[in-house]
Amino acid sequence: MTRRSPREFEPEKSRPPALLSVDGLRVSLRSRTRMLPAVQEVSFSMQRGEILALVGESGCGKSLTAQALLGLVGKNSLGQVEGSIRFKDRELTDLSEREMRAIRGREIAWVSQDPMTSLNPVYPVGAQIAEVPWLHQLCRTRNQARGVAERWMDRVGIPDPALRARDYPFAFSGGMRQRLVISMGLSGEPDLIIADEPTTALDVTIQAQILDLLHDLRAQTGCAILLITHDLGVVAQWCDAAMVMYAGRIVEKAPVGELLANPTHPYTQNLLASVPTPGHRRPLQPIPGQAPALEDIPSRGCPFRERCALARAACEVHMPDLVGSAVHRVACWDREVKA
């Protein structure tokens, strides 16, 4: 399989209007005693056809960020969302739950880590996929919706789709179930797909097939893909740009080629040092300690300082801003001192 070349990164001033623009996103979750800041000051934008990776250890806020984009937090007493989320020049944080339901599946699709959380075990898979174009009024009849479901099953590589559409989820392998979830998401013809660790539970061969499928569907439909992952190998091969997240904050973002060639934040450097590299015999360097739990994130200073060999006095007091060029930005006091 040939390696996919990332798209050429364009400076923001020359880029077309963003499909998705997130500015100052903050998500807080309610505990028994207080609101806990889970995502803080996250800002980024995406263009049509772009594959953007959101990278970090488990518990860093990646999935919660994606759920906020879909309006799945902040609508009840357990969560609060602040900041701006503009999709196709429409402010999503101002929409009601009814209005957001019209967007989910139709304009923004979700591909989950575990396909069985998206597939109902007591309904045939064809009927479940057909429900998306039917509910979003993309078809006039149920028969047309079933035809759409079968066409998408065929496009994602399900053999004999007319026959297999009658089967139940348990009759499919893990890789096939993930394909079914992708076909369900794409049957609404979305402009943006949020894929949350879509290949974590799959072996490397099926993982490559699923990622190849997403890449090809992006080329065919022009949709953008926000890929949430902790696998830097996947990022290197399939994504155009990447954002590194730690303790609810973006600490570095750049085009993939630039990020891998010139990792600047100590956390990014440590992530790369902990990944085995084919052809290079070097000892892996695990990151000392672990990411802080939500209730242990420090209220001031850099949250990575306890694990960072470059920590200085300023890191104890202030969180550095995300600074740099239009291409490569990083939030680190060591970087600012060198600059």
C-alpha atoms as a PDB file:
ATOM      1  CA  MET A   1       0.000   0.000   0.000  1.00  0.00           C
ATOM      2  CA  THR A   2       1.407   3.381  -0.971  1.00  0.00           C
ATOM      3  CA  ARG A   3       1.709   6.164   1.511  1.00  0.00           C
ATOM      4  CA  ARG A   4      -0.762   9.010   1.071  1.00  0.00           C
ATOM      5  CA  SER A   5       0.863  12.400   0.621  1.00  0.00           C
ATOM      6  CA  PRO A   6      -0.575  15.138   2.834  1.00  0.00           C
ATOM      7  CA  ARG A   7      -2.253  18.046   1.078  1.00  0.00           C
ATOM      8  CA  GLU A   8      -0.160  21.166   0.730  1.00  0.00           C
ATOM      9  CA  PHE A   9      -0.753  23.375   3.749  1.00  0.00           C
ATOM     10  CA  GLU A  10      -1.840  26.880   2.837  1.00  0.00           C
ATOM     11  CA  PRO A  11      -1.317  29.948   5.018  1.00  0.00           C
ATOM     12  CA  GLU A  12      -4.597  31.005   6.640  1.00  0.00           C
ATOM     13  CA  LYS A  13      -4.819  34.257   4.661  1.00  0.00           C
ATOM     14  CA  SER A  14      -4.881  32.383   1.343  1.00  0.00           C
ATOM     15  CA  ARG A  15      -7.260  29.649   2.431  1.00  0.00           C
ATOM     16  CA  PRO A  16     -10.934  29.620   1.366  1.00  0.00           C
ATOM     17  CA  PRO A  17     -13.672  30.279   3.945  1.00  0.00           C
ATOM     18  CA  ALA A  18     -13.618  27.654   6.657  1.00  0.00           C
ATOM     19  CA  LEU A  19     -16.171  24.860   6.758  1.00  0.00           C
ATOM     20  CA  LEU A  20     -15.755  24.694  10.541  1.00  0.00           C
ATOM     21  CA  SER A  21     -14.337  27.433  12.735  1.00  0.00           C
ATOM     22  CA  VAL A  22     -13.895  26.947  16.493  1.00  0.00           C
ATOM     23  CA  ASP A  23     -12.844  29.923  18.604  1.00  0.00           C
ATOM     24  CA  GLY A  24     -12.112  29.870  22.331  1.00  0.00           C
ATOM     25  CA  LEU A  25     -14.033  26.659  23.012  1.00  0.00           C
ATOM     26  CA  ARG A  26     -14.342  25.899  26.720  1.00  0.00           C
ATOM     27  CA  VAL A  27     -16.163  22.896  28.173  1.00  0.00           C
ATOM     28  CA  SER A  28     -16.779  22.491  31.894  1.00  0.00           C
ATOM     29  CA  LEU A  29     -18.268  19.450  33.623  1.00  0.00           C
ATOM     30  CA  ARG A  30     -20.141  19.613  36.896  1.00  0.00           C
ATOM     31  CA  SER A  31     -18.890  17.640  39.871  1.00  0.00           C
ATOM     32  CA  ARG A  32     -20.653  17.424  43.200  1.00  0.00           C
ATOM     33  CA  THR A  33     -18.897  20.561  44.414  1.00  0.00           C
ATOM     34  CA  ARG A  34     -17.831  22.650  41.398  1.00  0.00           C
ATOM     35  CA  MET A  35     -17.484  23.023  37.654  1.00  0.00           C
ATOM     36  CA  LEU A  36     -14.331  21.351  36.360  1.00  0.00           C
ATOM     37  CA  PRO A  37     -12.609  22.826  33.259  1.00  0.00           C
ATOM     38  CA  ALA A  38     -12.256  19.901  30.848  1.00  0.00           C
ATOM     39  CA  VAL A  39     -11.515  21.766  27.589  1.00  0.00           C
ATOM     40  CA  GLN A  40      -9.915  25.206  27.621  1.00  0.00           C
ATOM     41  CA  GLU A  41      -9.438  27.829  24.902  1.00  0.00           C
ATOM     42  CA  VAL A  42      -9.477  25.461  21.929  1.00  0.00           C
ATOM     43  CA  SER A  43      -9.408  27.252  18.565  1.00  0.00           C
ATOM     44  CA  PHE A  44      -8.993  25.833  15.068  1.00  0.00           C
ATOM     45  CA  SER A  45     -10.565  25.795  11.625  1.00  0.00           C
ATOM     46  CA  MET A  46     -11.125  23.214   8.904  1.00  0.00           C
ATOM     47  CA  GLN A  47     -11.622  23.481   5.156  1.00  0.00           C
ATOM     48  CA  ARG A  48     -13.619  21.173   2.917  1.00  0.00           C
ATOM     49  CA  GLY A  49     -11.667  18.061   2.022  1.00  0.00           C
ATOM     50  CA  GLU A  50      -9.185  18.450   4.878  1.00  0.00           C
ATOM     51  CA  ILE A  51      -8.199  15.630   7.229  1.00  0.00           C
ATOM     52  CA  LEU A  52      -7.254  17.108  10.601  1.00  0.00           C
ATOM     53  CA  ALA A  53      -5.962  14.960  13.461  1.00  0.00           C
ATOM     54  CA  LEU A  54      -6.599  15.645  17.133  1.00  0.00           C
ATOM     55  CA  VAL A  55      -3.850  13.806  19.026  1.00  0.00           C
ATOM     56  CA  GLY A  56      -3.118  13.108  22.674  1.00  0.00           C
ATOM     57  CA  GLU A  57      -3.189  10.575  25.478  1.00  0.00           C
ATOM     58  CA  SER A  58      -6.463   9.216  26.819  1.00  0.00           C
ATOM     59  CA  GLY A  59      -8.196  11.716  29.071  1.00  0.00           C
ATOM     60  CA  CYS A  60      -6.792  14.817  27.371  1.00  0.00           C
ATOM     61  CA  GLY A  61     -10.198  16.067  26.180  1.00  0.00           C
ATOM     62  CA  LYS A  62     -10.219  14.921  22.548  1.00  0.00           C
ATOM     63  CA  SER A  63     -13.580  13.147  22.548  1.00  0.00           C
ATOM     64  CA  LEU A  64     -15.186  15.815  24.732  1.00  0.00           C
ATOM     65  CA  THR A  65     -14.117  18.456  22.212  1.00  0.00           C
ATOM     66  CA  ALA A  66     -15.783  16.460  19.430  1.00  0.00           C
ATOM     67  CA  GLN A  67     -18.938  15.966  21.484  1.00  0.00           C
ATOM     68  CA  ALA A  68     -19.114  19.715  22.069  1.00  0.00           C
ATOM     69  CA  LEU A  69     -18.994  20.288  18.298  1.00  0.00           C
ATOM     70  CA  LEU A  70     -22.029  18.021  17.938  1.00  0.00           C
ATOM     71  CA  GLY A  71     -23.924  19.725  20.748  1.00  0.00           C
ATOM     72  CA  LEU A  72     -23.817  16.610  22.933  1.00  0.00           C
ATOM     73  CA  VAL A  73     -22.612  18.456  26.041  1.00  0.00           C
ATOM     74  CA  GLY A  74     -23.756  21.716  27.515  1.00  0.00           C
ATOM     75  CA  LYS A  75     -27.473  21.177  26.953  1.00  0.00           C
ATOM     76  CA  ASN A  76     -28.017  19.814  30.466  1.00  0.00           C
ATOM     77  CA  SER A  77     -26.919  20.489  34.022  1.00  0.00           C
ATOM     78  CA  LEU A  78     -23.858  18.252  33.750  1.00  0.00           C
ATOM     79  CA  GLY A  79     -21.946  20.367  31.259  1.00  0.00           C
ATOM     80  CA  GLN A  80     -21.381  23.907  30.092  1.00  0.00           C
ATOM     81  CA  VAL A  81     -20.002  25.041  26.728  1.00  0.00           C
ATOM     82  CA  GLU A  82     -18.611  28.511  26.037  1.00  0.00           C
ATOM     83  CA  GLY A  83     -16.955  30.002  22.974  1.00  0.00           C
ATOM     84  CA  SER A  84     -17.866  29.907  19.310  1.00  0.00           C
ATOM     85  CA  ILE A  85     -18.494  26.927  17.005  1.00  0.00           C
ATOM     86  CA  ARG A  86     -19.331  28.099  13.478  1.00  0.00           C
ATOM     87  CA  PHE A  87     -20.228  25.515  10.875  1.00  0.00           C
ATOM     88  CA  LYS A  88     -20.865  26.708   7.322  1.00  0.00           C
ATOM     89  CA  ASP A  89     -21.088  30.224   8.794  1.00  0.00           C
ATOM     90  CA  ARG A  90     -23.777  29.191  11.282  1.00  0.00           C
ATOM     91  CA  GLU A  91     -23.228  29.474  15.034  1.00  0.00           C
ATOM     92  CA  LEU A  92     -23.990  26.042  16.460  1.00  0.00           C
ATOM     93  CA  THR A  93     -23.960  27.109  20.113  1.00  0.00           C
ATOM     94  CA  ASP A  94     -27.048  29.242  19.444  1.00  0.00           C
ATOM     95  CA  LEU A  95     -29.115  26.370  18.041  1.00  0.00           C
ATOM     96  CA  SER A  96     -31.790  24.440  19.895  1.00  0.00           C
ATOM     97  CA  GLU A  97     -31.604  20.685  20.382  1.00  0.00           C
ATOM     98  CA  ARG A  98     -34.186  20.238  17.620  1.00  0.00           C
ATOM     99  CA  GLU A  99     -32.068  22.289  15.209  1.00  0.00           C
ATOM    100  CA  MET A 100     -28.935  20.338  16.151  1.00  0.00           C
ATOM    101  CA  ARG A 101     -30.699  17.033  15.467  1.00  0.00           C
ATOM    102  CA  ALA A 102     -31.244  18.225  11.904  1.00  0.00           C
ATOM    103  CA  ILE A 103     -27.470  18.790  11.564  1.00  0.00           C
ATOM    104  CA  ARG A 104     -26.251  15.578  13.206  1.00  0.00           C
ATOM    105  CA  GLY A 105     -26.047  12.829  10.625  1.00  0.00           C
ATOM    106  CA  ARG A 106     -27.060  15.112   7.764  1.00  0.00           C
ATOM    107  CA  GLU A 107     -24.261  17.704   7.828  1.00  0.00           C
ATOM    108  CA  ILE A 108     -21.946  16.406  10.565  1.00  0.00           C
ATOM    109  CA  ALA A 109     -21.562  12.648  10.985  1.00  0.00           C
ATOM    110  CA  TRP A 110     -20.049  10.713  13.876  1.00  0.00           C
ATOM    111  CA  VAL A 111     -18.038   7.495  13.532  1.00  0.00           C
ATOM    112  CA  SER A 112     -17.493   6.006  16.975  1.00  0.00           C
ATOM    113  CA  GLN A 113     -14.637   3.930  18.346  1.00  0.00           C
ATOM    114  CA  ASP A 114     -16.940   0.990  19.091  1.00  0.00           C
ATOM    115  CA  PRO A 115     -19.371   0.294  16.225  1.00  0.00           C
ATOM    116  CA  MET A 116     -21.689  -1.616  18.541  1.00  0.00           C
ATOM    117  CA  THR A 117     -22.521   1.642  20.311  1.00  0.00           C
ATOM    118  CA  SER A 118     -23.937   2.902  17.007  1.00  0.00           C
ATOM    119  CA  LEU A 119     -25.538  -0.311  15.743  1.00  0.00           C
ATOM    120  CA  ASN A 120     -28.709  -1.613  17.366  1.00  0.00           C
ATOM    121  CA  PRO A 121     -28.367  -5.398  17.806  1.00  0.00           C
ATOM    122  CA  VAL A 122     -32.095  -6.107  17.259  1.00  0.00           C
ATOM    123  CA  TYR A 123     -32.538  -4.440  13.838  1.00  0.00           C
ATOM    124  CA  PRO A 124     -31.132  -5.441  10.434  1.00  0.00           C
ATOM    125  CA  VAL A 125     -28.180  -3.252   9.455  1.00  0.00           C
ATOM    126  CA  GLY A 126     -29.797  -2.132   6.192  1.00  0.00           C
ATOM    127  CA  ALA A 127     -32.793  -0.728   8.031  1.00  0.00           C
ATOM    128  CA  GLN A 128     -30.521   1.151  10.440  1.00  0.00           C
ATOM    129  CA  ILE A 129     -28.479   2.740   7.666  1.00  0.00           C
ATOM    130  CA  ALA A 130     -31.645   3.593   5.700  1.00  0.00           C
ATOM    131  CA  GLU A 131     -32.996   5.460   8.726  1.00  0.00           C
ATOM    132  CA  VAL A 132     -30.480   8.286   8.216  1.00  0.00           C
ATOM    133  CA  PRO A 133     -31.509   9.400   4.681  1.00  0.00           C
ATOM    134  CA  TRP A 134     -35.154   8.765   5.581  1.00  0.00           C
ATOM    135  CA  LEU A 135     -35.166  10.908   8.729  1.00  0.00           C
ATOM    136  CA  HIS A 136     -33.286  13.709   6.985  1.00  0.00           C
ATOM    137  CA  GLN A 137     -35.742  13.621   4.075  1.00  0.00           C
ATOM    138  CA  LEU A 138     -33.180  12.705   1.441  1.00  0.00           C
ATOM    139  CA  CYS A 139     -35.572  10.074   0.059  1.00  0.00           C
ATOM    140  CA  ARG A 140     -39.271  10.155  -0.722  1.00  0.00           C
ATOM    141  CA  THR A 141     -39.997   6.544   0.186  1.00  0.00           C
ATOM    142  CA  ARG A 142     -38.653   3.858   2.476  1.00  0.00           C
ATOM    143  CA  ASN A 143     -37.718   1.774  -0.554  1.00  0.00           C
ATOM    144  CA  GLN A 144     -35.540   4.600  -1.857  1.00  0.00           C
ATOM    145  CA  ALA A 145     -33.887   4.874   1.550  1.00  0.00           C
ATOM    146  CA  ARG A 146     -33.150   1.137   1.526  1.00  0.00           C
ATOM    147  CA  GLY A 147     -31.604   1.551  -1.913  1.00  0.00           C
ATOM    148  CA  VAL A 148     -29.380   4.341  -0.597  1.00  0.00           C
ATOM    149  CA  ALA A 149     -28.319   2.103   2.294  1.00  0.00           C
ATOM    150  CA  GLU A 150     -27.395  -0.738  -0.040  1.00  0.00           C
ATOM    151  CA  ARG A 151     -25.421   1.577  -2.332  1.00  0.00           C
ATOM    152  CA  TRP A 152     -23.394   2.885   0.583  1.00  0.00           C
ATOM    153  CA  MET A 153     -22.812  -0.624   1.892  1.00  0.00           C
ATOM    154  CA  ASP A 154     -21.435  -1.480  -1.526  1.00  0.00           C
ATOM    155  CA  ARG A 155     -19.233   1.638  -1.597  1.00  0.00           C
ATOM    156  CA  VAL A 156     -17.612   0.763   1.724  1.00  0.00           C
ATOM    157  CA  GLY A 157     -16.861  -2.775   0.600  1.00  0.00           C
ATOM    158  CA  ILE A 158     -19.674  -4.899   2.059  1.00  0.00           C
ATOM    159  CA  PRO A 159     -20.152  -7.827  -0.367  1.00  0.00           C
ATOM    160  CA  ASP A 160     -23.681  -8.685  -1.592  1.00  0.00           C
ATOM    161  CA  PRO A 161     -25.197  -5.570   0.011  1.00  0.00           C
ATOM    162  CA  ALA A 162     -28.796  -6.383  -0.958  1.00  0.00           C
ATOM    163  CA  LEU A 163     -28.502  -9.704   0.855  1.00  0.00           C
ATOM    164  CA  ARG A 164     -26.313  -8.572   3.786  1.00  0.00           C
ATOM    165  CA  ALA A 165     -28.611  -5.607   4.478  1.00  0.00           C
ATOM    166  CA  ARG A 166     -31.025  -8.115   6.035  1.00  0.00           C
ATOM    167  CA  ASP A 167     -28.428  -9.381   8.500  1.00  0.00           C
ATOM    168  CA  TYR A 168     -28.021  -8.243  12.095  1.00  0.00           C
ATOM    169  CA  PRO A 169     -24.837  -6.651  13.497  1.00  0.00           C
ATOM    170  CA  PHE A 170     -23.668  -9.860  15.213  1.00  0.00           C
ATOM    171  CA  ALA A 171     -23.291 -11.497  11.775  1.00  0.00           C
ATOM    172  CA  PHE A 172     -20.437  -9.154  10.814  1.00  0.00           C
ATOM    173  CA  SER A 173     -16.787  -9.020  11.847  1.00  0.00           C
ATOM    174  CA  GLY A 174     -15.363  -6.048  13.732  1.00  0.00           C
ATOM    175  CA  GLY A 175     -13.906  -4.535  10.563  1.00  0.00           C
ATOM    176  CA  MET A 176     -17.176  -5.004   8.668  1.00  0.00           C
ATOM    177  CA  ARG A 177     -19.162  -3.435  11.513  1.00  0.00           C
ATOM    178  CA  GLN A 178     -16.869  -0.405  11.362  1.00  0.00           C
ATOM    179  CA  ARG A 179     -17.555  -0.184   7.615  1.00  0.00           C
ATOM    180  CA  LEU A 180     -21.270  -0.306   8.365  1.00  0.00           C
ATOM    181  CA  VAL A 181     -20.948   2.604  10.799  1.00  0.00           C
ATOM    182  CA  ILE A 182     -19.037   4.580   8.160  1.00  0.00           C
ATOM    183  CA  SER A 183     -21.730   3.839   5.574  1.00  0.00           C
ATOM    184  CA  MET A 184     -24.357   4.964   8.092  1.00  0.00           C
ATOM    185  CA  GLY A 185     -22.526   8.250   8.600  1.00  0.00           C
ATOM    186  CA  LEU A 186     -22.006   8.877   4.905  1.00  0.00           C
ATOM    187  CA  SER A 187     -25.562   7.956   3.901  1.00  0.00           C
ATOM    188  CA  GLY A 188     -26.601  11.413   5.102  1.00  0.00           C
ATOM    189  CA  GLU A 189     -24.080  13.000   2.681  1.00  0.00           C
ATOM    190  CA  PRO A 190     -22.350  15.025   5.436  1.00  0.00           C
ATOM    191  CA  ASP A 191     -19.845  17.791   4.889  1.00  0.00           C
ATOM    192  CA  LEU A 192     -17.865  16.841   8.018  1.00  0.00           C
ATOM    193  CA  ILE A 193     -17.099  13.433   9.531  1.00  0.00           C
ATOM    194  CA  ILE A 194     -15.880  13.227  13.129  1.00  0.00           C
ATOM    195  CA  ALA A 195     -14.095   9.880  13.513  1.00  0.00           C
ATOM    196  CA  ASP A 196     -13.350   9.108  17.163  1.00  0.00           C
ATOM    197  CA  GLU A 197     -10.599   6.461  17.329  1.00  0.00           C
ATOM    198  CA  PRO A 198     -12.286   4.530  14.473  1.00  0.00           C
ATOM    199  CA  THR A 199      -9.597   1.830  14.221  1.00  0.00           C
ATOM    200  CA  THR A 200      -8.394   1.333  17.799  1.00  0.00           C
ATOM    201  CA  ALA A 201      -9.957  -2.123  18.263  1.00  0.00           C
ATOM    202  CA  LEU A 202      -8.926  -3.424  14.813  1.00  0.00           C
ATOM    203  CA  ASP A 203      -5.812  -5.290  13.713  1.00  0.00           C
ATOM    204  CA  VAL A 204      -3.306  -3.391  11.578  1.00  0.00           C
ATOM    205  CA  THR A 205      -4.504  -4.840   8.267  1.00  0.00           C
ATOM    206  CA  ILE A 206      -8.165  -3.924   8.839  1.00  0.00           C
ATOM    207  CA  GLN A 207      -7.046  -0.585  10.297  1.00  0.00           C
ATOM    208  CA  ALA A 208      -5.261   0.258   7.047  1.00  0.00           C
ATOM    209  CA  GLN A 209      -8.316  -0.757   5.034  1.00  0.00           C
ATOM    210  CA  ILE A 210     -10.637   1.449   7.087  1.00  0.00           C
ATOM    211  CA  LEU A 211      -8.308   4.459   6.865  1.00  0.00           C
ATOM    212  CA  ASP A 212      -7.838   3.889   3.144  1.00  0.00           C
ATOM    213  CA  LEU A 213     -11.617   3.817   2.813  1.00  0.00           C
ATOM    214  CA  LEU A 214     -12.032   7.119   4.674  1.00  0.00           C
ATOM    215  CA  HIS A 215      -9.297   8.685   2.558  1.00  0.00           C
ATOM    216  CA  ASP A 216     -10.933   7.547  -0.693  1.00  0.00           C
ATOM    217  CA  LEU A 217     -14.395   8.674   0.415  1.00  0.00           C
ATOM    218  CA  ARG A 218     -12.937  12.076   1.266  1.00  0.00           C
ATOM    219  CA  ALA A 219     -11.589  12.278  -2.301  1.00  0.00           C
ATOM    220  CA  GLN A 220     -14.912  11.161  -3.788  1.00  0.00           C
ATOM    221  CA  THR A 221     -17.295  13.292  -1.717  1.00  0.00           C
ATOM    222  CA  GLY A 222     -15.147  16.284  -0.708  1.00  0.00           C
ATOM    223  CA  CYS A 223     -16.054  15.877   2.967  1.00  0.00           C
ATOM    224  CA  ALA A 224     -13.717  17.016   5.733  1.00  0.00           C
ATOM    225  CA  ILE A 225     -12.615  14.571   8.434  1.00  0.00           C
ATOM    226  CA  LEU A 226     -11.693  15.331  12.035  1.00  0.00           C
ATOM    227  CA  LEU A 227      -9.761  12.235  13.133  1.00  0.00           C
ATOM    228  CA  ILE A 228      -9.370  11.726  16.880  1.00  0.00           C
ATOM    229  CA  THR A 229      -6.496   9.373  17.601  1.00  0.00           C
ATOM    230  CA  HIS A 230      -3.490   8.652  19.781  1.00  0.00           C
ATOM    231  CA  ASP A 231      -1.680   6.815  16.963  1.00  0.00           C
ATOM    232  CA  LEU A 232       1.002   9.061  15.463  1.00  0.00           C
ATOM    233  CA  GLY A 233       1.687   6.484  12.757  1.00  0.00           C
ATOM    234  CA  VAL A 234      -1.871   6.950  11.506  1.00  0.00           C
ATOM    235  CA  VAL A 235      -1.436  10.723  11.648  1.00  0.00           C
ATOM    236  CA  ALA A 236       1.793  10.580   9.639  1.00  0.00           C
ATOM    237  CA  GLN A 237       0.276   8.516   6.847  1.00  0.00           C
ATOM    238  CA  TRP A 238      -3.264   9.824   6.508  1.00  0.00           C
ATOM    239  CA  CYS A 239      -3.674  13.370   7.807  1.00  0.00           C
ATOM    240  CA  ASP A 240      -3.002  16.835   6.423  1.00  0.00           C
ATOM    241  CA  ALA A 241      -2.530  18.686   9.720  1.00  0.00           C
ATOM    242  CA  ALA A 242      -2.535  17.814  13.400  1.00  0.00           C
ATOM    243  CA  MET A 243      -3.293  19.383  16.764  1.00  0.00           C
ATOM    244  CA  VAL A 244      -1.676  17.972  19.910  1.00  0.00           C
ATOM    245  CA  MET A 245      -3.874  18.172  23.008  1.00  0.00           C
ATOM    246  CA  TYR A 246      -2.879  17.892  26.648  1.00  0.00           C
ATOM    247  CA  ALA A 247      -5.083  18.384  29.722  1.00  0.00           C
ATOM    248  CA  GLY A 248      -7.830  19.992  27.669  1.00  0.00           C
ATOM    249  CA  ARG A 249      -5.602  22.455  25.791  1.00  0.00           C
ATOM    250  CA  ILE A 250      -4.061  22.551  22.331  1.00  0.00           C
ATOM    251  CA  VAL A 251      -0.299  22.719  22.943  1.00  0.00           C
ATOM    252  CA  GLU A 252       0.895  22.466  19.333  1.00  0.00           C
ATOM    253  CA  LYS A 253      -0.613  22.502  15.844  1.00  0.00           C
ATOM    254  CA  ALA A 254       0.987  22.328  12.415  1.00  0.00           C
ATOM    255  CA  PRO A 255       0.853  20.513   9.072  1.00  0.00           C
ATOM    256  CA  VAL A 256       1.762  16.882   9.638  1.00  0.00           C
ATOM    257  CA  GLY A 257       5.062  17.052   7.755  1.00  0.00           C
ATOM    258  CA  GLU A 258       6.160  20.091   9.740  1.00  0.00           C
ATOM    259  CA  LEU A 259       5.020  18.615  13.055  1.00  0.00           C
ATOM    260  CA  LEU A 260       6.911  15.366  12.542  1.00  0.00           C
ATOM    261  CA  ALA A 261      10.066  17.055  11.203  1.00  0.00           C
ATOM    262  CA  ASN A 262      10.134  19.830  13.802  1.00  0.00           C
ATOM    263  CA  PRO A 263       8.181  18.875  16.953  1.00  0.00           C
ATOM    264  CA  THR A 264       8.533  21.842  19.285  1.00  0.00           C
ATOM    265  CA  HIS A 265       6.470  21.288  22.426  1.00  0.00           C
ATOM    266  CA  PRO A 266       8.133  18.901  24.915  1.00  0.00           C
ATOM    267  CA  TYR A 267       4.931  16.850  25.054  1.00  0.00           C
ATOM    268  CA  THR A 268       4.927  16.372  21.275  1.00  0.00           C
ATOM    269  CA  GLN A 269       8.608  15.457  21.370  1.00  0.00           C
ATOM    270  CA  ASN A 270       7.943  12.907  24.101  1.00  0.00           C
ATOM    271  CA  LEU A 271       5.009  11.412  22.211  1.00  0.00           C
ATOM    272  CA  LEU A 272       7.192  10.899  19.147  1.00  0.00           C
ATOM    273  CA  ALA A 273      10.050   9.473  21.226  1.00  0.00           C
ATOM    274  CA  SER A 274       7.690   6.871  22.678  1.00  0.00           C
ATOM    275  CA  VAL A 275       6.658   5.536  19.252  1.00  0.00           C
ATOM    276  CA  PRO A 276       8.679   2.716  17.622  1.00  0.00           C
ATOM    277  CA  THR A 277      10.161   3.747  14.279  1.00  0.00           C
ATOM    278  CA  PRO A 278      10.664   1.089  11.555  1.00  0.00           C
ATOM    279  CA  GLY A 279      14.334   0.735  10.589  1.00  0.00           C
ATOM    280  CA  HIS A 280      15.628   2.633  13.633  1.00  0.00           C
ATOM    281  CA  ARG A 281      17.006   0.673  16.561  1.00  0.00           C
ATOM    282  CA  ARG A 282      16.658   3.001  19.481  1.00  0.00           C
ATOM    283  CA  PRO A 283      15.215   2.461  22.937  1.00  0.00           C
ATOM    284  CA  LEU A 284      11.705   3.789  23.403  1.00  0.00           C
ATOM    285  CA  GLN A 285      11.403   6.650  25.853  1.00  0.00           C
ATOM    286  CA  PRO A 286       8.135   6.514  27.803  1.00  0.00           C
ATOM    287  CA  ILE A 287       6.769   9.790  29.125  1.00  0.00           C
ATOM    288  CA  PRO A 288       7.249   9.896  32.904  1.00  0.00           C
ATOM    289  CA  GLY A 289       4.122  10.135  35.015  1.00  0.00           C
ATOM    290  CA  GLN A 290       0.645  10.358  33.565  1.00  0.00           C
ATOM    291  CA  ALA A 291      -1.817  12.947  32.329  1.00  0.00           C
ATOM    292  CA  PRO A 292      -3.687  14.613  35.211  1.00  0.00           C
ATOM    293  CA  ALA A 293      -7.227  13.562  36.014  1.00  0.00           C
ATOM    294  CA  LEU A 294      -9.886  16.181  35.381  1.00  0.00           C
ATOM    295  CA  GLU A 295     -10.089  17.217  39.031  1.00  0.00           C
ATOM    296  CA  ASP A 296      -6.277  17.454  39.262  1.00  0.00           C
ATOM    297  CA  ILE A 297      -5.632  19.809  36.338  1.00  0.00           C
ATOM    298  CA  PRO A 298      -3.802  22.825  37.843  1.00  0.00           C
ATOM    299  CA  SER A 299      -5.734  26.084  37.818  1.00  0.00           C
ATOM    300  CA  ARG A 300      -2.693  28.027  36.659  1.00  0.00           C
ATOM    301  CA  GLY A 301       0.593  27.397  34.905  1.00  0.00           C
ATOM    302  CA  CYS A 302       1.408  24.767  32.308  1.00  0.00           C
ATOM    303  CA  PRO A 303      -0.311  21.445  33.109  1.00  0.00           C
ATOM    304  CA  PHE A 304       2.585  19.484  31.563  1.00  0.00           C
ATOM    305  CA  ARG A 305       5.205  20.978  33.890  1.00  0.00           C
ATOM    306  CA  GLU A 306       5.249  18.028  36.307  1.00  0.00           C
ATOM    307  CA  ARG A 307       6.350  15.704  33.469  1.00  0.00           C
ATOM    308  CA  CYS A 308       8.556  18.150  31.573  1.00  0.00           C
ATOM    309  CA  ALA A 309      12.367  18.193  31.721  1.00  0.00           C
ATOM    310  CA  LEU A 310      12.389  21.810  30.489  1.00  0.00           C
ATOM    311  CA  ALA A 311      10.063  23.230  33.142  1.00  0.00           C
ATOM    312  CA  ARG A 312      11.042  26.641  34.492  1.00  0.00           C
ATOM    313  CA  ALA A 313       9.675  29.086  37.063  1.00  0.00           C
ATOM    314  CA  ALA A 314       7.260  30.690  34.581  1.00  0.00           C
ATOM    315  CA  CYS A 315       5.650  27.294  33.972  1.00  0.00           C
ATOM    316  CA  GLU A 316       4.422  27.260  37.582  1.00  0.00           C
ATOM    317  CA  VAL A 317       2.559  30.547  37.253  1.00  0.00           C
ATOM    318  CA  HIS A 318       1.268  31.160  33.733  1.00  0.00           C
ATOM    319  CA  MET A 319      -0.048  29.039  30.877  1.00  0.00           C
ATOM    320  CA  PRO A 320       1.786  30.149  27.710  1.00  0.00           C
ATOM    321  CA  ASP A 321      -0.270  31.284  24.739  1.00  0.00           C
ATOM    322  CA  LEU A 322      -0.333  29.342  21.486  1.00  0.00           C
ATOM    323  CA  VAL A 323       2.087  31.407  19.398  1.00  0.00           C
ATOM    324  CA  GLY A 324       4.176  31.112  16.252  1.00  0.00           C
ATOM    325  CA  SER A 325       3.616  31.419  12.527  1.00  0.00           C
ATOM    326  CA  ALA A 326       0.416  30.842  10.585  1.00  0.00           C
ATOM    327  CA  VAL A 327       1.800  27.381   9.810  1.00  0.00           C
ATOM    328  CA  HIS A 328       3.216  26.179  13.133  1.00  0.00           C
ATOM    329  CA  ARG A 329       2.033  27.269  16.576  1.00  0.00           C
ATOM    330  CA  VAL A 330       3.067  26.034  20.002  1.00  0.00           C
ATOM    331  CA  ALA A 331       2.258  26.845  23.644  1.00  0.00           C
ATOM    332  CA  CYS A 332       5.531  26.550  25.562  1.00  0.00           C
ATOM    333  CA  TRP A 333       7.608  28.974  27.627  1.00  0.00           C
ATOM    334  CA  ASP A 334      10.816  27.326  26.426  1.00  0.00           C
ATOM    335  CA  ARG A 335       9.788  28.044  22.840  1.00  0.00           C
ATOM    336  CA  GLU A 336       8.990  31.693  23.660  1.00  0.00           C
ATOM    337  CA  VAL A 337      12.352  32.197  25.369  1.00  0.00           C
ATOM    338  CA  LYS A 338      14.201  30.791  22.354  1.00  0.00           C
ATOM    339  CA  ALA A 339      12.141  32.944  19.975  1.00  0.00           C
END
